[in-house]
Amino acid sequence: MEILKLNEKTSCGLIITDLKQGVKNPNRVNVFVNGKYSFSLDISQVVEMGVKVGREINEKELEEFQKASEFGKLYQRTLEWVLIRPRSEREARGYLNKKTFEKKLNKDYVDTVVERLKEKKYIDDKKFAEYYVENRFVKKGISRKRLKMELKKKGVCDSVISEVLGARNDEDEIRKIIIKKQGKYDDEKMMAYLCRQGFSYDLVKNVMEEYYND
């Protein structure tokens, strides 16, 4: 959809002559300078940066608009990726580093995008850890030790890990796994399976003896 259009030029050489709503993404606006497509911005950027038909700009301003365009696209892609499921800050930085390398973008965008996503609560290591722990427990039993190791690899700090794991204990988790798997494994295979999930041999042995003796 065409928004506004201006066909005249001025003596400055650069003038915003047309604004058109994006076809694939209606929240972005295509900006034309001297009658030719130059860059695109999201609607909030258009308002914040005072982009309008008839505005005269210099080369430095054009460069700033083009950088803002790159940043806006990168931010939007990252936001869509983050909204698929909770992500840790380390995961987001890894994603952004890959995208800036692939698109040959300024690496300074990484910090700016991450900080904005954190500010808007789209990236929150505690929420990520809660989601991760809940899903790991639901899918299959796993020890606190292994969960801590996995979360640390995701960049979650020790204090958040301790808070999220809370009062969960390995004994309860082992019992839950035994109930779920007892028809599939004999005692020896059950013990081997539990140890592979990060539980200590002695703890597995004690819980299994207690469970089967009840």
Protein backbone atom coordinates (compact mmCIF):
# COMPACT_ATOMS: atom_id res chain seq x y z
CA MET A 1 0.00 0.00 0.00
CA GLU A 2 1.42 3.38 -1.01
CA ILE A 3 1.59 5.76 1.93
CA LEU A 4 2.86 9.06 0.53
CA LYS A 5 4.73 10.19 -2.55
CA LEU A 6 6.68 13.25 -3.68
CA ASN A 7 8.27 13.55 -7.10
CA GLU A 8 10.24 16.77 -6.79
CA LYS A 9 13.93 17.18 -5.89
CA THR A 10 15.69 20.00 -4.10
CA SER A 11 19.09 21.57 -4.38
CA CYS A 12 20.46 19.50 -1.48
CA GLY A 13 20.58 16.45 -3.74
CA LEU A 14 18.90 14.01 -1.30
CA ILE A 15 15.24 14.07 -0.42
CA ILE A 16 12.81 11.44 0.87
CA THR A 17 10.34 11.18 -2.01
CA ASP A 18 8.19 8.17 -1.12
CA LEU A 19 7.13 5.95 1.78
CA LYS A 20 5.47 2.60 1.10
CA GLN A 21 4.16 -0.02 3.47
CA GLY A 22 6.08 -3.30 3.29
CA VAL A 23 4.35 -6.13 1.43
CA LYS A 24 5.84 -9.10 3.32
CA ASN A 25 5.95 -7.22 6.63
CA PRO A 26 3.25 -4.52 7.00
CA ASN A 27 5.05 -3.22 10.11
CA ARG A 28 7.97 -2.03 7.99
CA VAL A 29 8.05 0.98 5.71
CA ASN A 30 10.10 1.14 2.51
CA VAL A 31 11.79 4.52 2.13
CA PHE A 32 12.63 5.99 -1.26
CA VAL A 33 15.26 8.70 -1.73
CA ASN A 34 15.22 10.69 -4.97
CA GLY A 35 12.67 8.29 -6.40
CA LYS A 36 14.64 5.08 -5.70
CA TYR A 37 14.30 2.53 -2.89
CA SER A 38 17.00 3.22 -0.30
CA PHE A 39 16.18 1.42 2.97
CA SER A 40 13.34 0.18 5.18
CA LEU A 41 12.44 0.93 8.79
CA ASP A 42 9.85 -0.39 11.19
CA ILE A 43 6.98 1.96 11.94
CA SER A 44 8.30 2.98 15.36
CA GLN A 45 11.67 3.91 13.79
CA VAL A 46 9.93 6.05 11.18
CA VAL A 47 8.20 8.01 13.93
CA GLU A 48 11.24 8.22 16.24
CA MET A 49 13.62 9.34 13.49
CA GLY A 50 11.22 11.80 11.89
CA VAL A 51 11.23 10.12 8.49
CA LYS A 52 8.68 11.76 6.21
CA VAL A 53 8.14 12.61 2.58
CA GLY A 54 9.78 15.89 1.64
CA ARG A 55 12.50 15.75 4.28
CA GLU A 56 15.89 16.81 2.98
CA ILE A 57 18.77 14.69 4.25
CA ASN A 58 22.54 14.67 3.90
CA GLU A 59 24.88 11.72 3.32
CA LYS A 60 25.55 11.30 7.04
CA GLU A 61 21.84 11.12 7.84
CA LEU A 62 21.31 8.63 5.00
CA GLU A 63 24.04 6.43 6.47
CA GLU A 64 22.41 6.63 9.91
CA PHE A 65 19.04 5.63 8.45
CA GLN A 66 20.61 2.67 6.66
CA LYS A 67 22.31 1.52 9.87
CA ALA A 68 19.00 1.85 11.71
CA SER A 69 17.43 -0.27 8.97
CA GLU A 70 20.01 -3.03 9.47
CA PHE A 71 19.52 -2.92 13.22
CA GLY A 72 15.72 -3.00 12.94
CA LYS A 73 15.76 -6.07 10.69
CA LEU A 74 18.21 -7.88 12.97
CA TYR A 75 16.17 -7.01 16.07
CA GLN A 76 12.94 -8.23 14.46
CA ARG A 77 14.48 -11.53 13.33
CA THR A 78 15.92 -12.11 16.80
CA LEU A 79 12.64 -11.22 18.52
CA GLU A 80 10.75 -13.72 16.35
CA TRP A 81 13.36 -16.38 17.19
CA VAL A 82 13.18 -15.63 20.93
CA LEU A 83 9.38 -15.81 20.94
CA ILE A 84 9.42 -19.40 19.65
CA ARG A 85 10.53 -20.52 23.14
CA PRO A 86 12.43 -18.96 26.06
CA ARG A 87 16.14 -18.41 25.33
CA SER A 88 19.10 -17.68 27.59
CA GLU A 89 21.20 -14.58 27.05
CA ARG A 90 24.12 -16.77 25.93
CA GLU A 91 21.93 -18.49 23.34
CA ALA A 92 20.74 -15.12 22.04
CA ARG A 93 24.29 -13.82 21.74
CA GLY A 94 25.28 -16.95 19.84
CA TYR A 95 22.37 -16.47 17.45
CA LEU A 96 23.21 -12.81 16.92
CA ASN A 97 26.92 -13.44 16.39
CA LYS A 98 26.03 -15.96 13.69
CA LYS A 99 23.59 -13.58 11.98
CA THR A 100 25.95 -10.58 12.04
CA PHE A 101 28.69 -12.76 10.54
CA GLU A 102 26.41 -14.16 7.82
CA LYS A 103 24.98 -10.74 6.91
CA LYS A 104 28.31 -8.91 7.41
CA LEU A 105 26.69 -6.57 9.92
CA ASN A 106 28.26 -4.42 12.63
CA LYS A 107 29.02 -6.61 15.68
CA ASP A 108 28.10 -3.67 17.93
CA TYR A 109 24.47 -4.53 17.15
CA VAL A 110 24.75 -7.68 19.27
CA ASP A 111 24.99 -5.87 22.62
CA THR A 112 22.31 -3.35 21.65
CA VAL A 113 19.81 -6.01 20.55
CA VAL A 114 20.44 -8.14 23.66
CA GLU A 115 20.04 -5.19 26.02
CA ARG A 116 16.79 -4.12 24.37
CA LEU A 117 15.39 -7.66 24.54
CA LYS A 118 16.39 -7.93 28.22
CA GLU A 119 14.85 -4.54 28.95
CA LYS A 120 11.55 -5.69 27.43
CA LYS A 121 11.80 -9.04 29.32
CA TYR A 122 11.98 -11.10 26.13
CA ILE A 123 15.28 -12.48 27.40
CA ASP A 124 15.33 -13.51 31.05
CA ASP A 125 17.71 -16.20 32.27
CA LYS A 126 15.50 -17.09 35.24
CA LYS A 127 12.43 -17.64 33.05
CA PHE A 128 14.57 -19.59 30.61
CA ALA A 129 15.93 -21.80 33.41
CA GLU A 130 12.43 -22.46 34.79
CA TYR A 131 11.23 -23.46 31.32
CA TYR A 132 14.28 -25.63 30.71
CA VAL A 133 14.09 -27.45 34.05
CA GLU A 134 10.36 -28.09 33.78
CA ASN A 135 10.70 -29.52 30.29
CA ARG A 136 13.67 -31.70 31.17
CA PHE A 137 11.80 -33.15 34.15
CA VAL A 138 8.64 -33.73 32.13
CA LYS A 139 10.38 -35.43 29.21
CA LYS A 140 12.53 -37.73 31.31
CA GLY A 141 14.04 -37.87 34.75
CA ILE A 142 17.32 -36.13 35.25
CA SER A 143 19.57 -35.40 38.23
CA ARG A 144 20.20 -32.00 39.79
CA LYS A 145 23.89 -32.43 38.98
CA ARG A 146 23.23 -32.89 35.27
CA LEU A 147 20.69 -30.08 35.17
CA LYS A 148 23.19 -27.72 36.79
CA MET A 149 25.79 -28.69 34.22
CA GLU A 150 23.41 -28.16 31.29
CA LEU A 151 22.19 -24.78 32.59
CA LYS A 152 25.73 -23.56 33.18
CA LYS A 153 26.53 -24.41 29.55
CA LYS A 154 23.56 -22.25 28.58
CA GLY A 155 25.12 -19.37 30.52
CA VAL A 156 22.81 -19.36 33.55
CA CYS A 157 24.55 -18.21 36.74
CA ASP A 158 24.81 -20.39 39.88
CA SER A 159 22.45 -18.26 41.97
CA VAL A 160 19.65 -18.51 39.39
CA ILE A 161 20.22 -22.25 38.99
CA SER A 162 19.95 -22.80 42.75
CA GLU A 163 16.80 -20.70 42.96
CA VAL A 164 15.12 -22.49 40.06
CA LEU A 165 15.99 -25.99 41.22
CA GLY A 166 14.68 -25.09 44.68
CA ALA A 167 13.57 -28.04 46.78
CA ARG A 168 13.66 -30.59 43.97
CA ASN A 169 15.56 -33.65 45.13
CA ASP A 170 17.09 -36.60 43.32
CA GLU A 171 15.35 -39.23 45.46
CA ASP A 172 11.90 -38.16 44.27
CA GLU A 173 13.10 -37.99 40.70
CA ILE A 174 14.57 -41.50 40.84
CA ARG A 175 11.30 -42.88 42.20
CA LYS A 176 9.39 -41.17 39.41
CA ILE A 177 11.66 -42.75 36.80
CA ILE A 178 11.39 -46.21 38.39
CA ILE A 179 7.58 -46.05 38.22
CA LYS A 180 7.73 -44.95 34.59
CA LYS A 181 10.40 -47.44 33.45
CA GLN A 182 9.95 -50.51 35.66
CA GLY A 183 8.08 -52.44 32.98
CA LYS A 184 10.85 -51.77 30.48
CA TYR A 185 14.05 -52.45 32.44
CA ASP A 186 15.19 -55.16 34.82
CA ASP A 187 17.04 -54.06 37.98
CA GLU A 188 20.49 -54.02 36.38
CA LYS A 189 19.40 -52.03 33.33
CA MET A 190 17.36 -49.69 35.51
CA MET A 191 20.40 -48.90 37.64
CA ALA A 192 22.56 -48.32 34.55
CA TYR A 193 19.92 -46.03 33.06
CA LEU A 194 19.59 -43.98 36.22
CA CYS A 195 23.35 -43.57 36.53
CA ARG A 196 23.48 -42.32 32.93
CA GLN A 197 21.02 -39.59 33.90
CA GLY A 198 23.58 -38.24 36.36
CA PHE A 199 22.44 -39.84 39.61
CA SER A 200 25.12 -41.27 41.87
CA TYR A 201 25.45 -45.05 42.08
CA ASP A 202 25.00 -45.14 45.87
CA LEU A 203 21.88 -43.00 45.78
CA VAL A 204 20.36 -45.08 42.98
CA LYS A 205 21.10 -48.30 44.87
CA ASN A 206 19.56 -47.02 48.11
CA VAL A 207 16.39 -45.66 46.48
CA MET A 208 15.87 -48.80 44.41
CA GLU A 209 16.26 -51.04 47.46
CA GLU A 210 13.84 -48.87 49.43
CA TYR A 211 11.32 -48.79 46.57
CA TYR A 212 11.29 -52.50 45.89
CA ASN A 213 11.24 -53.41 49.59
CA ASP A 214 8.17 -51.28 50.35
